[in-house]
């Protein structure tokens, strides 16, 4: 995510908990969860406040929920095997498999 997306995420959280968001908050959250997908983080915020918790959302809550969402996607979807022509190149085969796994975790459809 970039600073603008983090600001949007924090603004979304503020709709639930009335937090005040400043530039320092954006910088801190960017450092903590800037590597996550914006869409997944937004979904994690909604899930956090849609649960029975009364706990104020923190970056760790978002990371934990995003990690669980990614794991669930992987568990639900078969991972496509790499192309047959890569079977003679173990490194390329492994990289292709890792790419397919990441795409499934990201919620993208993999065609065979």
Protein backbone atom coordinates (compact mmCIF):
# COMPACT_ATOMS: atom_id res chain seq x y z
CA UNK A 1 0.00 0.00 0.00
CA UNK A 2 1.04 3.58 -0.40
CA UNK A 3 0.46 6.50 1.99
CA UNK A 4 -2.79 7.48 0.28
CA UNK A 5 -4.19 3.96 0.65
CA UNK A 6 -3.12 3.81 4.31
CA UNK A 7 -4.88 7.14 4.85
CA UNK A 8 -8.00 5.69 3.25
CA UNK A 9 -7.72 2.59 5.44
CA UNK A 10 -7.39 4.69 8.60
CA UNK A 11 -10.27 6.89 7.48
CA UNK A 12 -12.36 3.74 7.04
CA UNK A 13 -11.40 2.57 10.55
CA UNK A 14 -12.35 6.02 11.86
CA UNK A 15 -15.89 5.47 10.62
CA UNK A 16 -16.12 2.66 13.17
CA UNK A 17 -14.10 4.00 16.10
CA UNK A 18 -13.97 7.79 15.64
CA UNK A 19 -10.17 7.84 15.71
CA UNK A 20 -8.37 11.01 14.71
CA UNK A 21 -5.89 10.38 11.91
CA UNK A 22 -2.82 12.49 11.26
CA UNK A 23 0.24 12.25 9.04
CA UNK A 24 2.19 10.51 11.81
CA UNK A 25 -0.44 7.78 11.98
CA UNK A 26 -0.21 7.21 8.25
CA UNK A 27 3.59 6.94 8.42
CA UNK A 28 3.47 4.49 11.33
CA UNK A 29 0.82 2.27 9.76
CA UNK A 30 2.60 2.37 6.41
CA UNK A 31 5.74 1.07 8.10
CA UNK A 32 3.78 -1.66 9.92
CA UNK A 33 1.47 -2.94 7.16
CA UNK A 34 2.42 -1.14 3.97
CA UNK A 35 3.34 -4.46 2.35
CA UNK A 36 -0.25 -5.74 2.49
CA UNK A 37 -2.85 -5.54 -0.24
CA UNK A 38 -5.11 -2.50 0.12
CA UNK A 39 -8.24 -4.52 -0.73
CA UNK A 40 -7.36 -7.22 1.79
CA UNK A 41 -6.59 -4.65 4.48
CA UNK A 42 -9.92 -2.90 3.92
CA UNK A 43 -11.70 -6.25 4.18
CA UNK A 44 -9.76 -6.96 7.39
CA UNK A 45 -10.91 -3.65 8.93
CA UNK A 46 -14.55 -4.44 8.14
CA UNK A 47 -14.17 -7.97 9.51
CA UNK A 48 -12.54 -6.67 12.69
CA UNK A 49 -15.36 -4.27 13.45
CA UNK A 50 -17.97 -6.72 12.19
CA UNK A 51 -16.94 -9.21 14.87
CA UNK A 52 -17.88 -9.05 18.52
CA UNK A 53 -14.70 -7.25 19.49
CA UNK A 54 -14.70 -3.85 21.12
CA UNK A 55 -10.92 -3.63 20.80
CA UNK A 56 -9.55 -0.67 18.87
CA UNK A 57 -8.03 -1.78 15.57
CA UNK A 58 -4.23 -1.87 15.41
CA UNK A 59 -1.89 -2.80 12.54
CA UNK A 60 -1.33 -6.26 14.00
CA UNK A 61 -5.05 -7.00 13.84
CA UNK A 62 -5.05 -6.17 10.14
CA UNK A 63 -1.96 -8.32 9.48
CA UNK A 64 -3.43 -11.31 11.35
CA UNK A 65 -6.74 -11.11 9.46
CA UNK A 66 -5.07 -10.66 6.07
CA UNK A 67 -2.80 -13.64 6.77
CA UNK A 68 -5.86 -15.75 7.65
CA UNK A 69 -7.70 -14.63 4.50
CA UNK A 70 -4.73 -15.58 2.33
CA UNK A 71 -4.42 -18.97 4.04
CA UNK A 72 -8.16 -19.63 3.51
CA UNK A 73 -7.86 -18.81 -0.20
CA UNK A 74 -5.00 -21.27 -0.54
CA UNK A 75 -6.93 -23.96 1.33
CA UNK A 76 -10.03 -23.45 -0.87
CA UNK A 77 -8.33 -23.35 -4.24
CA UNK A 78 -6.16 -25.91 -5.96
CA UNK A 79 -2.75 -24.62 -6.96
CA UNK A 80 -2.14 -25.02 -10.68
CA UNK A 81 0.88 -27.08 -11.61
CA UNK A 82 3.59 -25.25 -13.52
CA UNK A 83 3.86 -25.88 -17.26
CA UNK A 84 5.18 -29.32 -18.16
CA UNK A 85 8.15 -27.84 -20.03
CA UNK A 86 9.53 -26.64 -16.68
CA UNK A 87 9.89 -30.15 -15.24
CA UNK A 88 13.49 -30.31 -16.46
CA UNK A 89 14.35 -27.03 -14.72
CA UNK A 90 13.72 -27.46 -10.96
CA UNK A 91 14.47 -23.82 -10.11
CA UNK A 92 12.08 -22.48 -12.77
CA UNK A 93 9.45 -25.07 -11.77
CA UNK A 94 9.73 -24.03 -8.12
CA UNK A 95 9.50 -20.31 -9.01
CA UNK A 96 6.44 -20.94 -11.18
CA UNK A 97 4.78 -22.91 -8.38
CA UNK A 98 5.55 -20.13 -5.87
CA UNK A 99 4.07 -17.59 -8.29
CA UNK A 100 0.90 -19.66 -8.67
CA UNK A 101 0.63 -19.98 -4.88
CA UNK A 102 1.00 -16.20 -4.45
CA UNK A 103 -1.62 -15.49 -7.10
CA UNK A 104 -4.12 -17.80 -5.38
CA UNK A 105 -3.35 -16.18 -2.01
CA UNK A 106 -3.88 -12.78 -3.66
CA UNK A 107 -7.33 -13.97 -4.76
CA UNK A 108 -6.49 -14.18 -8.45
CA UNK A 109 -7.80 -16.96 -10.70
CA UNK A 110 -5.17 -19.28 -12.17
CA UNK A 111 -5.98 -20.84 -15.52
CA UNK A 112 -4.43 -24.17 -16.31
